[in-house]
Protein backbone atom coordinates (compact mmCIF):
# COMPACT_ATOMS: atom_id res chain seq x y z
CA UNK A 1 6.43 30.16 5.99
CA UNK A 2 2.82 29.96 4.89
CA UNK A 3 0.44 27.05 4.31
CA UNK A 4 -1.90 26.44 1.39
CA UNK A 5 -4.71 23.90 0.99
CA UNK A 6 -4.94 22.38 -2.48
CA UNK A 7 -8.35 21.13 -3.61
CA UNK A 8 -6.76 19.17 -6.43
CA UNK A 9 -3.39 17.51 -6.72
CA UNK A 10 -2.51 19.28 -9.96
CA UNK A 11 -2.19 22.49 -7.92
CA UNK A 12 1.25 21.12 -7.11
CA UNK A 13 3.71 21.63 -9.94
CA UNK A 14 5.56 18.56 -11.08
CA UNK A 15 8.86 20.33 -10.51
CA UNK A 16 7.93 21.14 -6.90
CA UNK A 17 6.77 17.58 -6.24
CA UNK A 18 10.01 16.15 -7.65
CA UNK A 19 12.02 18.06 -5.03
CA UNK A 20 10.23 16.31 -2.15
CA UNK A 21 10.99 12.95 -0.53
CA UNK A 22 8.86 10.92 -2.95
CA UNK A 23 11.35 9.11 -5.18
CA UNK A 24 11.60 5.66 -3.58
CA UNK A 25 7.98 4.66 -4.17
CA UNK A 26 6.33 4.75 -7.62
CA UNK A 27 2.90 5.00 -6.00
CA UNK A 28 3.96 8.31 -4.47
CA UNK A 29 5.02 9.74 -7.82
CA UNK A 30 3.37 12.82 -9.31
CA UNK A 31 1.91 10.83 -12.20
CA UNK A 32 0.38 8.16 -9.95
CA UNK A 33 -1.35 10.59 -7.58
CA UNK A 34 -2.43 13.01 -10.29
CA UNK A 35 -3.75 10.18 -12.46
CA UNK A 36 -5.86 8.84 -9.58
CA UNK A 37 -7.64 12.20 -9.43
CA UNK A 38 -7.81 12.92 -13.17
CA UNK A 39 -9.48 9.57 -13.91
CA UNK A 40 -12.03 10.16 -11.13
CA UNK A 41 -10.91 7.25 -8.95
CA UNK A 42 -10.09 9.74 -6.18
CA UNK A 43 -12.69 12.49 -6.02
CA UNK A 44 -15.53 14.02 -4.03
CA UNK A 45 -17.86 11.51 -5.68
CA UNK A 46 -15.84 8.52 -4.46
CA UNK A 47 -15.58 9.91 -0.93
CA UNK A 48 -11.96 11.10 -1.27
CA UNK A 49 -12.02 14.91 -1.35
CA UNK A 50 -8.47 16.29 -1.80
CA UNK A 51 -7.36 18.66 0.97
CA UNK A 52 -3.60 18.51 0.34
CA UNK A 53 -1.33 20.76 2.38
CA UNK A 54 1.69 22.62 0.95
CA UNK A 55 4.13 24.65 3.01
CA UNK A 56 6.09 27.47 1.32
CA UNK A 57 8.79 29.85 2.48
CA UNK A 58 8.65 33.64 1.98
CA UNK A 59 10.13 33.32 -1.51
CA UNK A 60 7.41 30.88 -2.59
CA UNK A 61 9.68 27.83 -2.55
CA UNK A 62 8.01 24.62 -1.35
CA UNK A 63 9.32 23.29 1.95
CA UNK A 64 6.94 20.44 2.75
CA UNK A 65 3.74 18.75 1.60
CA UNK A 66 1.15 16.38 2.92
CA UNK A 67 -1.25 14.25 0.89
CA UNK A 68 -4.53 14.75 2.69
CA UNK A 69 -8.09 13.64 1.93
CA UNK A 70 -11.43 14.38 3.48
CA UNK A 71 -13.15 11.02 3.81
CA UNK A 72 -16.86 10.27 4.15
CA UNK A 73 -16.27 6.54 4.66
CA UNK A 74 -13.41 4.17 5.55
CA UNK A 75 -13.19 2.03 2.41
CA UNK A 76 -9.95 1.66 0.49
CA UNK A 77 -7.72 2.50 3.47
CA UNK A 78 -6.63 -0.94 4.81
CA UNK A 79 -6.27 0.39 8.35
CA UNK A 80 -9.63 -0.54 9.73
CA UNK A 81 -11.57 1.83 11.98
CA UNK A 82 -15.14 0.69 11.34
CA UNK A 83 -15.62 -0.14 15.04
CA UNK A 84 -14.48 3.39 15.93
CA UNK A 85 -17.08 4.81 13.57
CA UNK A 86 -19.73 2.56 15.13
CA UNK A 87 -18.77 3.73 18.63
CA UNK A 88 -19.23 7.34 17.54
CA UNK A 89 -22.66 6.51 16.09
CA UNK A 90 -23.64 4.71 19.28
CA UNK A 91 -22.92 7.93 21.15
CA UNK A 92 -24.77 10.13 18.62
CA UNK A 93 -21.53 11.70 17.38
CA UNK A 94 -20.40 12.05 13.77
CA UNK A 95 -17.23 10.17 12.81
CA UNK A 96 -17.34 11.32 9.20
CA UNK A 97 -15.97 13.41 7.66
CA UNK A 98 -12.45 12.67 8.83
CA UNK A 99 -9.01 13.49 7.40
CA UNK A 100 -6.53 10.90 6.21
CA UNK A 101 -3.00 11.08 4.88
CA UNK A 102 -2.20 8.09 2.70
CA UNK A 103 -1.74 6.91 -0.86
CA UNK A 104 -5.32 6.12 -1.89
CA UNK A 105 -6.16 2.42 -2.15
CA UNK A 106 -2.49 1.52 -1.66
CA UNK A 107 -1.42 -0.23 1.58
CA UNK A 108 2.34 0.24 1.25
CA UNK A 109 4.56 2.09 3.70
CA UNK A 110 5.89 5.38 2.41
CA UNK A 111 6.93 8.86 3.51
CA UNK A 112 3.91 10.87 4.55
CA UNK A 113 5.54 14.12 5.72
CA UNK A 114 7.15 15.06 2.44
CA UNK A 115 10.13 17.38 2.78
CA UNK A 116 12.44 19.20 0.41
CA UNK A 117 15.20 18.89 3.01
CA UNK A 118 15.02 15.59 4.92
CA UNK A 119 16.54 17.27 7.99
CA UNK A 120 14.08 20.18 8.04
CA UNK A 121 12.39 19.32 11.34
CA UNK A 122 10.87 22.80 11.62
CA UNK A 123 8.88 22.39 8.38
CA UNK A 124 7.89 18.85 9.31
CA UNK A 125 6.52 19.96 12.67
CA UNK A 126 4.76 22.95 11.14
CA UNK A 127 2.88 20.98 8.48
CA UNK A 128 1.74 18.42 11.06
CA UNK A 129 0.55 21.25 13.32
CA UNK A 130 -1.35 22.75 10.39
CA UNK A 131 -3.04 19.39 9.73
CA UNK A 132 -4.12 19.21 13.37
CA UNK A 133 -5.46 22.79 13.21
CA UNK A 134 -7.39 21.93 10.06
CA UNK A 135 -8.92 18.97 11.90
CA UNK A 136 -9.97 21.06 14.89
CA UNK A 137 -11.07 24.24 13.11
CA UNK A 138 -13.21 22.57 10.43
CA UNK A 139 -15.08 20.07 12.57
CA UNK A 140 -13.37 16.85 11.48
CA UNK A 141 -13.62 14.03 13.99
CA UNK A 142 -10.08 12.83 13.46
CA UNK A 143 -6.82 12.87 11.53
CA UNK A 144 -5.11 9.66 10.40
CA UNK A 145 -1.72 8.82 8.90
CA UNK A 146 -1.55 5.34 7.38
CA UNK A 147 1.40 3.07 6.55
CA UNK A 148 4.13 5.21 8.03
CA UNK A 149 7.88 5.08 7.84
CA UNK A 150 9.54 5.04 11.33
CA UNK A 151 10.87 8.62 11.09
CA UNK A 152 7.39 10.02 10.45
CA UNK A 153 5.96 7.89 13.24
CA UNK A 154 8.42 9.35 15.77
CA UNK A 155 7.48 12.91 14.79
CA UNK A 156 3.74 12.20 14.92
CA UNK A 157 4.01 10.55 18.34
CA UNK A 158 5.83 13.66 19.60
CA UNK A 159 2.82 15.65 18.33
CA UNK A 160 0.56 13.53 20.57
CA UNK A 161 -0.90 11.31 17.87
CA UNK A 162 -1.71 7.75 18.89
CA UNK A 163 0.40 4.94 17.46
CA UNK A 164 -1.30 1.88 16.00
CA UNK A 165 0.57 -1.24 14.95
CA UNK A 166 -0.40 -4.01 12.55
CA UNK A 167 1.52 -6.42 10.34
CA UNK A 168 1.84 -7.56 6.76
CA UNK A 169 3.78 -10.45 5.26
CA UNK A 170 6.83 -9.54 3.18
CA UNK A 171 9.51 -11.53 1.38
CA UNK A 172 13.16 -10.51 1.72
CA UNK A 173 15.89 -11.26 -0.76
CA UNK A 174 18.91 -12.78 0.96
CA UNK A 175 21.07 -12.41 -2.14
CA UNK A 176 19.63 -15.57 -3.65
CA UNK A 177 21.20 -16.53 -6.97
CA UNK A 178 18.14 -18.48 -8.11
CA UNK A 179 14.69 -19.61 -7.02
CA UNK A 180 16.19 -23.01 -6.14
CA UNK A 181 18.67 -21.30 -3.80
CA UNK A 182 15.73 -19.63 -2.08
CA UNK A 183 14.03 -23.01 -1.72
CA UNK A 184 17.13 -24.43 -0.08
CA UNK A 185 16.63 -22.04 2.83
CA UNK A 186 13.16 -23.45 3.58
CA UNK A 187 12.28 -26.43 5.72
CA UNK A 188 11.79 -29.68 3.86
CA UNK A 189 7.99 -29.67 4.16
CA UNK A 190 7.63 -26.11 2.88
CA UNK A 191 10.08 -26.71 0.05
CA UNK A 192 8.15 -29.79 -1.08
CA UNK A 193 4.87 -27.90 -0.88
CA UNK A 194 6.10 -25.12 -3.17
CA UNK A 195 7.59 -27.56 -5.65
CA UNK A 196 4.30 -29.49 -5.71
CA UNK A 197 2.31 -26.32 -6.38
CA UNK A 198 4.65 -25.24 -9.17
CA UNK A 199 4.47 -28.71 -10.68
CA UNK A 200 0.68 -28.48 -10.81
CA UNK A 201 1.00 -25.29 -12.86
CA UNK A 202 3.25 -27.04 -15.37
CA UNK A 203 0.86 -30.01 -15.56
CA UNK A 204 -1.96 -27.62 -16.53
CA UNK A 205 0.22 -26.27 -19.38
CA UNK A 206 0.12 -22.76 -17.94
CA UNK A 207 2.86 -20.35 -19.00
CA UNK A 208 3.63 -16.82 -17.85
CA UNK A 209 4.60 -13.58 -19.52
CA UNK A 210 5.94 -10.42 -17.88
CA UNK A 211 5.42 -7.07 -19.61
CA UNK A 212 5.95 -3.46 -18.59
CA UNK A 213 3.42 -0.73 -19.26
CA UNK A 214 4.74 0.25 -22.69
CA UNK A 215 4.31 -3.30 -23.98
CA UNK A 216 0.61 -3.66 -23.18
CA UNK A 217 -2.03 -2.60 -25.69
CA UNK A 218 -5.35 -1.04 -24.74
CA UNK A 219 -7.09 -4.23 -25.87
CA UNK A 220 -4.91 -6.36 -23.62
CA UNK A 221 -5.49 -3.99 -20.71
CA UNK A 222 -9.21 -4.49 -21.19
CA UNK A 223 -8.81 -8.25 -20.67
CA UNK A 224 -6.44 -7.80 -17.72
CA UNK A 225 -8.86 -5.37 -16.09
CA UNK A 226 -11.76 -7.78 -16.55
CA UNK A 227 -9.78 -10.44 -14.68
CA UNK A 228 -8.70 -8.30 -11.74
CA UNK A 229 -12.22 -6.86 -11.45
CA UNK A 230 -13.57 -10.36 -10.80
CA UNK A 231 -11.61 -10.51 -7.54
CA UNK A 232 -13.50 -7.44 -6.30
CA UNK A 233 -16.88 -8.61 -7.58
CA UNK A 234 -16.50 -11.99 -5.84
CA UNK A 235 -16.10 -10.09 -2.56
CA UNK A 236 -19.15 -7.94 -3.22
CA UNK A 237 -17.28 -4.73 -4.03
CA UNK A 238 -16.11 -2.79 -7.08
CA UNK A 239 -12.54 -2.09 -8.27
CA UNK A 240 -10.98 0.99 -6.73
CA UNK A 241 -9.00 1.98 -9.83
CA UNK A 242 -10.49 2.14 -13.31
CA UNK A 243 -9.24 0.67 -16.56
CA UNK A 244 -8.46 4.22 -17.71
CA UNK A 245 -6.22 4.66 -14.67
CA UNK A 246 -4.06 1.67 -15.62
CA UNK A 247 -3.86 2.66 -19.27
CA UNK A 248 -2.73 6.15 -18.31
CA UNK A 249 -0.20 4.85 -15.80
CA UNK A 250 1.18 2.53 -18.48
CA UNK A 251 1.79 5.57 -20.66
CA UNK A 252 3.21 7.81 -17.92
CA UNK A 253 5.16 5.28 -15.82
CA UNK A 254 5.88 2.46 -18.29
CA UNK A 255 8.93 1.14 -16.42
CA UNK A 256 7.28 1.27 -13.00
CA UNK A 257 4.26 -0.92 -13.70
CA UNK A 258 4.70 -4.61 -14.51
CA UNK A 259 1.96 -7.04 -15.46
CA UNK A 260 2.21 -10.80 -15.49
CA UNK A 261 -0.31 -12.84 -17.46
CA UNK A 262 -0.97 -16.53 -17.00
CA UNK A 263 -1.71 -18.18 -20.32
CA UNK A 264 -2.86 -21.47 -21.82
CA UNK A 265 -1.73 -21.26 -25.42
CA UNK A 266 -2.99 -17.85 -26.61
CA UNK A 267 -5.70 -17.43 -23.95
CA UNK A 268 -5.08 -15.24 -20.91
CA UNK A 269 -6.52 -17.05 -17.89
CA UNK A 270 -5.10 -14.89 -15.09
CA UNK A 271 -3.19 -11.69 -14.44
CA UNK A 272 -1.48 -9.75 -11.67
CA UNK A 273 -0.30 -6.14 -11.50
CA UNK A 274 2.90 -5.00 -9.78
CA UNK A 275 4.63 -1.69 -9.20
CA UNK A 276 8.43 -1.56 -9.15
CA UNK A 277 10.31 0.69 -6.74
CA UNK A 278 14.02 1.17 -6.19
CA UNK A 279 14.30 -1.66 -3.67
CA UNK A 280 10.75 -3.01 -3.50
CA UNK A 281 8.29 -4.89 -5.66
CA UNK A 282 4.67 -4.12 -4.76
CA UNK A 283 2.00 -6.66 -5.65
CA UNK A 284 -1.35 -4.93 -5.99
CA UNK A 285 -4.12 -6.66 -7.96
CA UNK A 286 -4.80 -10.08 -9.38
CA UNK A 287 -7.65 -12.06 -10.93
CA UNK A 288 -8.67 -15.13 -12.87
CA UNK A 289 -11.86 -16.30 -14.54
CA UNK A 290 -11.52 -19.96 -13.57
CA UNK A 291 -10.43 -22.22 -10.72
CA UNK A 292 -7.00 -23.38 -11.82
CA UNK A 293 -5.11 -25.32 -9.15
CA UNK A 294 -2.36 -23.26 -7.44
CA UNK A 295 -2.64 -20.42 -9.98
CA UNK A 296 -2.98 -17.73 -7.31
CA UNK A 297 0.18 -18.82 -5.48
CA UNK A 298 2.25 -18.99 -8.65
CA UNK A 299 1.00 -15.74 -10.19
CA UNK A 300 1.01 -13.57 -7.07
CA UNK A 301 3.89 -15.04 -5.06
CA UNK A 302 6.35 -17.36 -6.80
CA UNK A 303 6.58 -15.33 -10.01
CA UNK A 304 7.13 -12.18 -7.93
CA UNK A 305 9.84 -13.84 -5.84
CA UNK A 306 11.55 -15.07 -9.00
CA UNK A 307 11.36 -11.56 -10.49
CA UNK A 308 12.99 -10.07 -7.36
CA UNK A 309 15.80 -12.61 -7.45
CA UNK A 310 16.52 -12.02 -11.14
CA UNK A 311 16.41 -8.24 -10.77
CA UNK A 312 18.16 -7.96 -7.39
CA UNK A 313 15.14 -6.39 -5.65
CA UNK A 314 15.45 -6.48 -1.88
CA UNK A 315 11.85 -6.77 -0.72
CA UNK A 316 8.55 -8.06 -2.12
CA UNK A 317 5.33 -6.69 -0.60
CA UNK A 318 2.40 -8.69 -2.01
CA UNK A 319 -0.37 -6.77 -0.25
CA UNK A 320 -2.40 -7.06 2.93
CA UNK A 321 -3.60 -10.11 4.83
CA UNK A 322 -3.11 -13.77 4.13
CA UNK A 323 -1.53 -16.17 6.61
CA UNK A 324 -1.16 -18.57 3.68
CA UNK A 325 1.83 -16.42 2.67
CA UNK A 326 3.85 -17.69 5.65
CA UNK A 327 4.42 -21.20 4.32
CA UNK A 328 5.51 -19.68 1.01
CA UNK A 329 8.48 -17.76 2.37
CA UNK A 330 6.90 -14.51 3.60
CA UNK A 331 7.50 -13.28 7.14
CA UNK A 332 5.62 -10.80 9.37
CA UNK A 333 6.64 -7.16 9.19
CA UNK A 334 5.17 -4.47 11.43
CA UNK A 335 3.27 -1.59 9.87
CA UNK A 336 2.31 1.62 11.65
CA UNK A 337 -0.35 4.28 11.56
CA UNK A 338 -0.94 7.38 13.73
CA UNK A 339 -4.24 8.92 14.82
CA UNK A 340 -5.47 12.19 16.27
CA UNK A 341 -9.03 12.33 17.64
CA UNK A 342 -10.59 15.69 18.41
CA UNK A 343 -12.83 14.27 21.14
CA UNK A 344 -10.72 13.75 24.28
CA UNK A 345 -12.95 11.04 25.73
CA UNK A 346 -12.74 8.99 22.56
CA UNK A 347 -9.03 9.68 22.26
CA UNK A 348 -8.42 8.23 25.73
CA UNK A 349 -10.64 5.22 25.07
CA UNK A 350 -8.93 4.44 21.77
CA UNK A 351 -5.51 4.92 23.39
CA UNK A 352 -6.38 2.14 25.85
CA UNK A 353 -7.68 -0.03 23.03
CA UNK A 354 -4.52 0.46 20.96
CA UNK A 355 -2.33 -0.51 23.91
CA UNK A 356 -4.13 -3.86 24.14
CA UNK A 357 -4.18 -4.30 20.38
CA UNK A 358 -0.41 -3.72 20.24
CA UNK A 359 0.19 -6.56 22.71
CA UNK A 360 -1.99 -8.82 20.62
CA UNK A 361 -0.03 -7.97 17.45
CA UNK A 362 3.29 -8.61 19.23
CA UNK A 363 2.08 -12.00 20.42
CA UNK A 364 0.71 -12.82 16.98
CA UNK A 365 3.99 -11.97 15.27
CA UNK A 366 5.93 -14.07 17.76
CA UNK A 367 3.61 -17.04 17.22
CA UNK A 368 4.14 -16.71 13.45
CA UNK A 369 7.91 -16.61 13.91
CA UNK A 370 7.67 -19.80 15.95
CA UNK A 371 6.32 -21.45 12.78
CA UNK A 372 8.83 -19.91 10.40
CA UNK A 373 9.11 -21.64 7.00
CA UNK A 374 12.88 -21.15 7.11
CA UNK A 375 15.38 -23.64 8.45
CA UNK A 376 16.94 -22.77 11.76
CA UNK A 377 20.48 -21.58 11.20
CA UNK A 378 23.16 -23.51 13.03
CA UNK A 379 25.20 -21.46 15.46
C-alpha cells in the first residue's frame, strides 16, 4: 500500500469516493466536500488548507481516505480548543498550524476513517499512522478528529489519541404517527408550552413552506441567504458558506437539501436550511429579519420534528448548543473527538484536563435527564 496527500479534494475521483463509507451522511458526499472547496469556502485563504490522505494498494485501487485540513485558526470546528491555543502561546510555543479531520463547518457525527471495506482494520490503522507521521514530520502541533462515530473512536484510542467527550441535543422518533402523538409523550407543562408557542405562530398569520433544492430559484436563494447571514452578523461573525455554495448544492444534491421558509402572505420573514440523510435530519442554518414571537422554535425545531414524523426519519440533529431544546423534546447525546499532541508535556496536561471535563459532561447529562421533558413510563 502507498499513501498520497491531496492538496485539493477533486484529486479524488468521484467513483473512488463512492466506494468508501460515506453514503449515510449527505455532508460527507463528494459533491458537498468538493463544492466547499470549489466555491472558496474551504481554502488556504479561509484557513482550511486541504491535506487529504488517500491510501492505495499496489494496483492503484483506493483502500482508505481521510479528510484532513491544515488549520491556522480554530473557527468553524465546534470542538473548542481556544484555551489550548492560549496555553501554547503562554509558553511561547506555536499551536497553529494544526491538522484536523472533520467536515468543515459541520458539527455532525460521521465516519472519519473512510474505508472501501468496513472490516479492513489494516488500512484503517495505516492511514491513522500516516496522519500521525504527517503531524510529527511537518511540525504540526497536533492532530484532531472531530464528531466521531464509536468505531473510529475505538481505533483512535488504540493509537494513543486522547478522547474528548461533549454533548448535543437530539430528537428521536419513537414511531410517532403524528405531532400530537409526540406531544402526548411529554409532561403536561412541556406539552402546554409547545402548544402555546405554536398558537402564537398561528396568531401572527405565519405559514410555512418546505422545498427541496430543485424547487428554489437563484432569486429566492438570495433572500434565504440574506436571512441566515443575519444570524452570523448578529454574533459578530460572517457566514461560513457562501450563497454560491448553496446554489451549487441545490443543483448537485437537490433531494438532500431542504429549505423551510416562514411567510406572511407573500413575504419571506424567516428561513432554515436542513440536510436529509438516510436516517437523520440535520438542521444547519436559520435566520430572520424581525423579532417574531416563537418563530425560532417553530422554524428550527417543531417543523423539523413534524417533517421527521411524516417522513419516518429516526433522528433530528438541530445543531450545537442550546439548553432551550430540552423542554422542546430534545435529549442529550454524547459526541466524541480524539486528539494527538506532538508535545508530550502538553499531551499529559490535556489528558488530565479531559479526564476532569469528562466527569463534568457525565454529571451535566445526568442532571439534564433528571429534568426530562418526557413523562416517566410506568413499570
